[in-house]
Amino acid sequence: MITEKTTINGPRGPMPTYIARRDDTPRPAVIVLEGIYGFDDELRRITDLVGNAGYVGCAIDYLRGQDVAQGFHTATMADDIAITRDWLNEQKYVAHGKIAAWGFGVGGAVAFIGATLPGMSAAIAFYGQSITKGLPDGGDAPIKDADAIRTPLLLVYGGADTEISQAEIDRIRTRLNAAGKSADVQIYPTVGHSFFRQDLGTVATREIADAWDRVVSFLKRSFA
């Protein structure tokens, strides 16, 4: 597998970027979006998973090395995704026009925002606790723009997540249904927040495997 570090210039300056792909054959790409843990080895592990699955994994550090409280800027989140989309479409190893976003925690809310942009094929949010709440910098909750969603959504939650209540999940599902949007909402009853991370001593082996299978199936359908 080919991996490389580069930067993409966004509205607030360069974003450190990590790319993982099998080869230079043009393939659909997935923008991988960090949560509160930042641009860490675990995010690169997930990006490698995407690359090994036959896609181009592209992790961007939209927080630019800062913590969420300082690095999150609602006004430029859509721009960061759009600029990454455009950059990927210029790469010889990307199948033009086939771009998805996959975010974790607050990154899930960023993926949700990305789903409102033209030229995106799909969006995945794992335990996106800010979709119905105000964003870290005080920006409006992304759910307010449900009518503007352009892509299919895969939303994955842990039923034992203390950061996200069942009422919030129900609100997301109800709002998306009312807007006529395609949304697959999966809840794993016994796991908590960040269950997909493999550096937290998780015992959610079965849920991790099932969630990954759902991601692969969802991407295959979305890029078809």
C-alpha atoms as a PDB file:
ATOM      1  CA  MET A   1       0.000   0.000   0.000  1.00  0.00           C
ATOM      2  CA  ILE A   2       1.141   3.544  -0.752  1.00  0.00           C
ATOM      3  CA  THR A   3       0.991   6.022   2.134  1.00  0.00           C
ATOM      4  CA  GLU A   4       2.097   9.632   2.128  1.00  0.00           C
ATOM      5  CA  LYS A   5       1.898  12.837   4.110  1.00  0.00           C
ATOM      6  CA  THR A   6       1.101  16.105   2.375  1.00  0.00           C
ATOM      7  CA  THR A   7      -0.847  19.325   2.955  1.00  0.00           C
ATOM      8  CA  ILE A   8      -3.971  20.807   1.428  1.00  0.00           C
ATOM      9  CA  ASN A   9      -4.406  24.568   1.579  1.00  0.00           C
ATOM     10  CA  GLY A  10      -7.699  25.518   3.207  1.00  0.00           C
ATOM     11  CA  PRO A  11      -9.319  28.838   4.143  1.00  0.00           C
ATOM     12  CA  ARG A  12      -7.383  28.919   7.424  1.00  0.00           C
ATOM     13  CA  GLY A  13      -4.088  27.795   5.967  1.00  0.00           C
ATOM     14  CA  PRO A  14      -2.506  24.408   5.244  1.00  0.00           C
ATOM     15  CA  MET A  15      -4.167  21.235   6.555  1.00  0.00           C
ATOM     16  CA  PRO A  16      -1.836  18.309   7.291  1.00  0.00           C
ATOM     17  CA  THR A  17      -3.108  15.386   5.222  1.00  0.00           C
ATOM     18  CA  TYR A  18      -2.454  11.647   5.232  1.00  0.00           C
ATOM     19  CA  ILE A  19      -3.163   9.538   2.139  1.00  0.00           C
ATOM     20  CA  ALA A  20      -3.444   5.743   1.927  1.00  0.00           C
ATOM     21  CA  ARG A  21      -4.150   3.832  -1.294  1.00  0.00           C
ATOM     22  CA  ARG A  22      -3.331   0.517  -2.913  1.00  0.00           C
ATOM     23  CA  ASP A  23      -1.812   1.935  -6.084  1.00  0.00           C
ATOM     24  CA  ASP A  24      -2.291   4.681  -8.664  1.00  0.00           C
ATOM     25  CA  THR A  25      -5.397   3.151 -10.247  1.00  0.00           C
ATOM     26  CA  PRO A  26      -8.195   5.777 -10.066  1.00  0.00           C
ATOM     27  CA  ARG A  27     -10.467   4.858  -7.157  1.00  0.00           C
ATOM     28  CA  PRO A  28     -13.232   6.555  -5.122  1.00  0.00           C
ATOM     29  CA  ALA A  29     -11.935   8.526  -2.145  1.00  0.00           C
ATOM     30  CA  VAL A  30     -13.026   8.853   1.474  1.00  0.00           C
ATOM     31  CA  ILE A  31     -12.204  11.968   3.521  1.00  0.00           C
ATOM     32  CA  VAL A  32     -11.508  10.821   7.104  1.00  0.00           C
ATOM     33  CA  LEU A  33     -12.328  13.398   9.793  1.00  0.00           C
ATOM     34  CA  GLU A  34     -10.838  13.540  13.283  1.00  0.00           C
ATOM     35  CA  GLY A  35     -12.683  14.003  16.563  1.00  0.00           C
ATOM     36  CA  ILE A  36     -11.427  15.181  19.950  1.00  0.00           C
ATOM     37  CA  TYR A  37      -8.436  12.819  19.830  1.00  0.00           C
ATOM     38  CA  GLY A  38      -7.047  14.766  16.913  1.00  0.00           C
ATOM     39  CA  PHE A  39      -4.862  13.746  13.993  1.00  0.00           C
ATOM     40  CA  ASP A  40      -3.389  10.692  15.668  1.00  0.00           C
ATOM     41  CA  ASP A  41      -2.146   7.195  14.906  1.00  0.00           C
ATOM     42  CA  GLU A  42      -5.649   5.797  15.310  1.00  0.00           C
ATOM     43  CA  LEU A  43      -6.979   8.120  12.602  1.00  0.00           C
ATOM     44  CA  ARG A  44      -4.176   6.948  10.331  1.00  0.00           C
ATOM     45  CA  ARG A  45      -5.061   3.316  11.142  1.00  0.00           C
ATOM     46  CA  ILE A  46      -8.619   3.962   9.987  1.00  0.00           C
ATOM     47  CA  THR A  47      -7.357   5.728   6.862  1.00  0.00           C
ATOM     48  CA  ASP A  48      -5.218   2.653   6.129  1.00  0.00           C
ATOM     49  CA  LEU A  49      -8.348   0.497   6.515  1.00  0.00           C
ATOM     50  CA  VAL A  50     -10.014   2.604   3.845  1.00  0.00           C
ATOM     51  CA  GLY A  51      -7.000   2.258   1.561  1.00  0.00           C
ATOM     52  CA  ASN A  52      -6.807  -1.498   2.053  1.00  0.00           C
ATOM     53  CA  ALA A  53     -10.513  -1.770   1.192  1.00  0.00           C
ATOM     54  CA  GLY A  54      -9.751  -0.461  -2.290  1.00  0.00           C
ATOM     55  CA  TYR A  55     -10.471   3.230  -1.832  1.00  0.00           C
ATOM     56  CA  VAL A  56      -8.285   6.291  -1.425  1.00  0.00           C
ATOM     57  CA  GLY A  57      -8.193   7.207   2.266  1.00  0.00           C
ATOM     58  CA  CYS A  58      -7.582  10.906   2.888  1.00  0.00           C
ATOM     59  CA  ALA A  59      -7.366  12.065   6.508  1.00  0.00           C
ATOM     60  CA  ILE A  60      -7.286  15.842   6.954  1.00  0.00           C
ATOM     61  CA  ASP A  61      -6.323  17.717  10.093  1.00  0.00           C
ATOM     62  CA  TYR A  62      -9.038  20.342   9.871  1.00  0.00           C
ATOM     63  CA  LEU A  63      -8.231  21.314  13.481  1.00  0.00           C
ATOM     64  CA  ARG A  64      -4.680  22.112  12.312  1.00  0.00           C
ATOM     65  CA  GLY A  65      -2.994  20.684  15.382  1.00  0.00           C
ATOM     66  CA  GLN A  66      -5.217  22.464  17.884  1.00  0.00           C
ATOM     67  CA  ASP A  67      -7.735  20.969  20.267  1.00  0.00           C
ATOM     68  CA  VAL A  68     -11.417  21.095  19.374  1.00  0.00           C
ATOM     69  CA  ALA A  69     -12.119  24.142  21.532  1.00  0.00           C
ATOM     70  CA  GLN A  70      -9.557  26.216  19.636  1.00  0.00           C
ATOM     71  CA  GLY A  71      -9.376  24.600  16.222  1.00  0.00           C
ATOM     72  CA  PHE A  72     -13.043  24.167  15.318  1.00  0.00           C
ATOM     73  CA  HIS A  73     -14.473  26.912  13.100  1.00  0.00           C
ATOM     74  CA  THR A  74     -18.032  26.326  11.896  1.00  0.00           C
ATOM     75  CA  ALA A  75     -17.762  29.047   9.273  1.00  0.00           C
ATOM     76  CA  THR A  76     -15.005  27.207   7.406  1.00  0.00           C
ATOM     77  CA  MET A  77     -15.933  23.537   7.918  1.00  0.00           C
ATOM     78  CA  ALA A  78     -17.799  23.295   4.613  1.00  0.00           C
ATOM     79  CA  ASP A  79     -14.911  25.074   2.877  1.00  0.00           C
ATOM     80  CA  ASP A  80     -12.379  22.603   4.304  1.00  0.00           C
ATOM     81  CA  ILE A  81     -14.408  19.689   2.957  1.00  0.00           C
ATOM     82  CA  ALA A  82     -15.021  21.368  -0.399  1.00  0.00           C
ATOM     83  CA  ILE A  83     -11.353  22.211  -0.887  1.00  0.00           C
ATOM     84  CA  THR A  84     -10.368  18.636  -0.004  1.00  0.00           C
ATOM     85  CA  ARG A  85     -12.999  17.338  -2.453  1.00  0.00           C
ATOM     86  CA  ASP A  86     -11.598  19.539  -5.199  1.00  0.00           C
ATOM     87  CA  TRP A  87      -8.000  18.580  -4.392  1.00  0.00           C
ATOM     88  CA  LEU A  88      -8.851  14.878  -4.522  1.00  0.00           C
ATOM     89  CA  ASN A  89     -10.607  15.307  -7.858  1.00  0.00           C
ATOM     90  CA  GLU A  90      -7.349  16.665  -9.265  1.00  0.00           C
ATOM     91  CA  GLN A  91      -5.332  13.594  -8.257  1.00  0.00           C
ATOM     92  CA  LYS A  92      -4.645  10.967 -10.916  1.00  0.00           C
ATOM     93  CA  TYR A  93      -5.382   8.150  -8.468  1.00  0.00           C
ATOM     94  CA  VAL A  94      -8.909   9.390  -7.616  1.00  0.00           C
ATOM     95  CA  ALA A  95     -12.023   8.478  -9.600  1.00  0.00           C
ATOM     96  CA  HIS A  96     -13.358  11.952 -10.357  1.00  0.00           C
ATOM     97  CA  GLY A  97     -16.647  12.830  -8.694  1.00  0.00           C
ATOM     98  CA  LYS A  98     -16.647   9.886  -6.278  1.00  0.00           C
ATOM     99  CA  ILE A  99     -15.908  11.370  -2.855  1.00  0.00           C
ATOM    100  CA  ALA A 100     -17.311  10.437   0.559  1.00  0.00           C
ATOM    101  CA  ALA A 101     -16.684  11.695   4.100  1.00  0.00           C
ATOM    102  CA  TRP A 102     -16.339   9.607   7.289  1.00  0.00           C
ATOM    103  CA  GLY A 103     -16.100  11.383  10.624  1.00  0.00           C
ATOM    104  CA  PHE A 104     -15.825  10.419  14.290  1.00  0.00           C
ATOM    105  CA  GLY A 105     -17.321  12.300  17.229  1.00  0.00           C
ATOM    106  CA  VAL A 106     -17.356  15.968  16.302  1.00  0.00           C
ATOM    107  CA  GLY A 107     -15.842  14.834  12.996  1.00  0.00           C
ATOM    108  CA  GLY A 108     -19.128  13.043  12.420  1.00  0.00           C
ATOM    109  CA  ALA A 109     -20.856  16.421  12.540  1.00  0.00           C
ATOM    110  CA  VAL A 110     -18.343  17.695   9.983  1.00  0.00           C
ATOM    111  CA  ALA A 111     -19.165  14.729   7.729  1.00  0.00           C
ATOM    112  CA  PHE A 112     -22.855  15.609   8.129  1.00  0.00           C
ATOM    113  CA  ILE A 113     -22.036  19.154   6.997  1.00  0.00           C
ATOM    114  CA  GLY A 114     -20.119  17.675   4.056  1.00  0.00           C
ATOM    115  CA  ALA A 115     -23.254  15.811   2.989  1.00  0.00           C
ATOM    116  CA  THR A 116     -24.841  19.159   2.070  1.00  0.00           C
ATOM    117  CA  LEU A 117     -22.163  19.922  -0.526  1.00  0.00           C
ATOM    118  CA  PRO A 118     -22.387  19.264  -4.262  1.00  0.00           C
ATOM    119  CA  GLY A 119     -20.022  16.662  -5.645  1.00  0.00           C
ATOM    120  CA  MET A 120     -20.163  14.394  -2.603  1.00  0.00           C
ATOM    121  CA  SER A 121     -21.338  10.783  -2.888  1.00  0.00           C
ATOM    122  CA  ALA A 122     -21.890   9.741   0.736  1.00  0.00           C
ATOM    123  CA  ALA A 123     -21.327  10.663   4.372  1.00  0.00           C
ATOM    124  CA  ILE A 124     -20.696   8.474   7.414  1.00  0.00           C
ATOM    125  CA  ALA A 125     -20.866   9.688  11.013  1.00  0.00           C
ATOM    126  CA  PHE A 126     -19.714   7.504  13.894  1.00  0.00           C
ATOM    127  CA  TYR A 127     -21.080   8.753  17.239  1.00  0.00           C
ATOM    128  CA  GLY A 128     -21.505  12.305  15.966  1.00  0.00           C
ATOM    129  CA  GLN A 129     -22.557  13.976  19.201  1.00  0.00           C
ATOM    130  CA  SER A 130     -22.674  17.488  17.768  1.00  0.00           C
ATOM    131  CA  ILE A 131     -25.227  16.840  15.022  1.00  0.00           C
ATOM    132  CA  THR A 132     -28.153  17.945  17.209  1.00  0.00           C
ATOM    133  CA  LYS A 133     -26.197  20.106  19.627  1.00  0.00           C
ATOM    134  CA  GLY A 134     -24.380  23.367  19.063  1.00  0.00           C
ATOM    135  CA  LEU A 135     -20.920  22.886  17.579  1.00  0.00           C
ATOM    136  CA  PRO A 136     -17.755  23.374  19.697  1.00  0.00           C
ATOM    137  CA  ASP A 137     -17.336  27.019  18.705  1.00  0.00           C
ATOM    138  CA  GLY A 138     -21.014  27.809  19.283  1.00  0.00           C
ATOM    139  CA  GLY A 139     -22.115  27.273  15.699  1.00  0.00           C
ATOM    140  CA  ASP A 140     -25.588  25.997  14.923  1.00  0.00           C
ATOM    141  CA  ALA A 141     -26.290  22.276  15.125  1.00  0.00           C
ATOM    142  CA  PRO A 142     -25.896  20.695  11.659  1.00  0.00           C
ATOM    143  CA  ILE A 143     -29.330  19.054  11.897  1.00  0.00           C
ATOM    144  CA  LYS A 144     -30.866  22.425  11.051  1.00  0.00           C
ATOM    145  CA  ASP A 145     -29.639  21.899   7.486  1.00  0.00           C
ATOM    146  CA  ALA A 146     -31.234  18.459   7.093  1.00  0.00           C
ATOM    147  CA  ASP A 147     -33.231  19.646   4.093  1.00  0.00           C
ATOM    148  CA  ALA A 148     -29.964  20.476   2.297  1.00  0.00           C
ATOM    149  CA  ILE A 149     -28.510  16.955   2.593  1.00  0.00           C
ATOM    150  CA  ARG A 150     -27.503  15.709  -0.870  1.00  0.00           C
ATOM    151  CA  THR A 151     -26.034  12.264  -0.137  1.00  0.00           C
ATOM    152  CA  PRO A 152     -26.988   8.987   1.545  1.00  0.00           C
ATOM    153  CA  LEU A 153     -26.012   8.865   5.221  1.00  0.00           C
ATOM    154  CA  LEU A 154     -24.740   6.088   7.482  1.00  0.00           C
ATOM    155  CA  LEU A 155     -25.026   7.072  11.157  1.00  0.00           C
ATOM    156  CA  VAL A 156     -23.578   4.700  13.767  1.00  0.00           C
ATOM    157  CA  TYR A 157     -24.058   4.973  17.538  1.00  0.00           C
ATOM    158  CA  GLY A 158     -23.453   3.085  20.750  1.00  0.00           C
ATOM    159  CA  GLY A 159     -26.553   2.556  22.865  1.00  0.00           C
ATOM    160  CA  ALA A 160     -24.465   2.966  26.028  1.00  0.00           C
ATOM    161  CA  ASP A 161     -22.936   6.257  24.845  1.00  0.00           C
ATOM    162  CA  THR A 162     -23.175   8.817  27.661  1.00  0.00           C
ATOM    163  CA  GLU A 163     -22.396  11.627  25.192  1.00  0.00           C
ATOM    164  CA  ILE A 164     -25.434  10.994  22.968  1.00  0.00           C
ATOM    165  CA  SER A 165     -28.906  10.178  24.269  1.00  0.00           C
ATOM    166  CA  GLN A 166     -31.479   7.966  22.581  1.00  0.00           C
ATOM    167  CA  ALA A 167     -33.668  11.064  22.327  1.00  0.00           C
ATOM    168  CA  GLU A 168     -30.999  12.784  20.229  1.00  0.00           C
ATOM    169  CA  ILE A 169     -30.699   9.787  17.919  1.00  0.00           C
ATOM    170  CA  ASP A 170     -34.477   9.669  17.572  1.00  0.00           C
ATOM    171  CA  ARG A 171     -34.545  13.368  16.750  1.00  0.00           C
ATOM    172  CA  ILE A 172     -31.964  12.905  13.993  1.00  0.00           C
ATOM    173  CA  ARG A 173     -33.826   9.944  12.516  1.00  0.00           C
ATOM    174  CA  THR A 174     -37.190  11.745  12.652  1.00  0.00           C
ATOM    175  CA  ARG A 175     -35.835  14.944  11.105  1.00  0.00           C
ATOM    176  CA  LEU A 176     -34.079  13.111   8.265  1.00  0.00           C
ATOM    177  CA  ASN A 177     -37.165  11.011   7.569  1.00  0.00           C
ATOM    178  CA  ALA A 178     -39.306  14.141   7.476  1.00  0.00           C
ATOM    179  CA  ALA A 179     -36.875  15.667   4.989  1.00  0.00           C
ATOM    180  CA  GLY A 180     -37.068  12.551   2.825  1.00  0.00           C
ATOM    181  CA  LYS A 181     -33.368  11.762   3.162  1.00  0.00           C
ATOM    182  CA  SER A 182     -31.723   8.366   2.830  1.00  0.00           C
ATOM    183  CA  ALA A 183     -30.278   7.560   6.255  1.00  0.00           C
ATOM    184  CA  ASP A 184     -29.185   4.213   7.677  1.00  0.00           C
ATOM    185  CA  VAL A 185     -29.085   4.582  11.485  1.00  0.00           C
ATOM    186  CA  GLN A 186     -27.352   1.738  13.309  1.00  0.00           C
ATOM    187  CA  ILE A 187     -27.254   1.473  17.119  1.00  0.00           C
ATOM    188  CA  TYR A 188     -25.140  -1.084  19.005  1.00  0.00           C
ATOM    189  CA  PRO A 189     -26.935  -1.391  22.363  1.00  0.00           C
ATOM    190  CA  THR A 190     -24.038  -2.341  24.660  1.00  0.00           C
ATOM    191  CA  VAL A 191     -21.166  -0.122  23.486  1.00  0.00           C
ATOM    192  CA  GLY A 192     -20.291   3.454  24.337  1.00  0.00           C
ATOM    193  CA  HIS A 193     -18.675   6.458  22.721  1.00  0.00           C
ATOM    194  CA  SER A 194     -15.592   5.947  20.530  1.00  0.00           C
ATOM    195  CA  PHE A 195     -16.155   2.180  20.491  1.00  0.00           C
ATOM    196  CA  PHE A 196     -14.481   1.872  17.059  1.00  0.00           C
ATOM    197  CA  ARG A 197     -11.106   3.001  18.408  1.00  0.00           C
ATOM    198  CA  GLN A 198      -8.766   0.078  18.944  1.00  0.00           C
ATOM    199  CA  ASP A 199      -6.384   1.920  21.262  1.00  0.00           C
ATOM    200  CA  LEU A 200      -8.826   2.217  24.174  1.00  0.00           C
ATOM    201  CA  GLY A 201      -8.738  -1.421  25.248  1.00  0.00           C
ATOM    202  CA  THR A 202     -12.173  -1.946  23.738  1.00  0.00           C
ATOM    203  CA  VAL A 203     -13.949  -5.275  24.039  1.00  0.00           C
ATOM    204  CA  ALA A 204     -16.385  -4.353  21.275  1.00  0.00           C
ATOM    205  CA  THR A 205     -14.741  -6.704  18.788  1.00  0.00           C
ATOM    206  CA  ARG A 206     -18.024  -7.925  17.320  1.00  0.00           C
ATOM    207  CA  GLU A 207     -19.460  -4.417  16.999  1.00  0.00           C
ATOM    208  CA  ILE A 208     -16.253  -3.080  15.410  1.00  0.00           C
ATOM    209  CA  ALA A 209     -16.288  -5.849  12.808  1.00  0.00           C
ATOM    210  CA  ASP A 210     -19.976  -5.370  12.034  1.00  0.00           C
ATOM    211  CA  ALA A 211     -19.635  -1.587  11.807  1.00  0.00           C
ATOM    212  CA  TRP A 212     -16.736  -1.920   9.386  1.00  0.00           C
ATOM    213  CA  ASP A 213     -18.719  -4.346   7.228  1.00  0.00           C
ATOM    214  CA  ARG A 214     -21.543  -1.795   7.149  1.00  0.00           C
ATOM    215  CA  VAL A 215     -19.138   0.953   6.087  1.00  0.00           C
ATOM    216  CA  VAL A 216     -17.753  -1.159   3.236  1.00  0.00           C
ATOM    217  CA  SER A 217     -21.251  -2.140   2.032  1.00  0.00           C
ATOM    218  CA  PHE A 218     -22.490   1.447   2.298  1.00  0.00           C
ATOM    219  CA  LEU A 219     -19.555   2.813   0.308  1.00  0.00           C
ATOM    220  CA  LYS A 220     -19.969   0.144  -2.372  1.00  0.00           C
ATOM    221  CA  ARG A 221     -23.629   1.112  -2.813  1.00  0.00           C
ATOM    222  CA  SER A 222     -22.939   4.834  -2.711  1.00  0.00           C
ATOM    223  CA  PHE A 223     -20.143   4.723  -5.277  1.00  0.00           C
ATOM    224  CA  ALA A 224     -21.959   2.351  -7.647  1.00  0.00           C
END
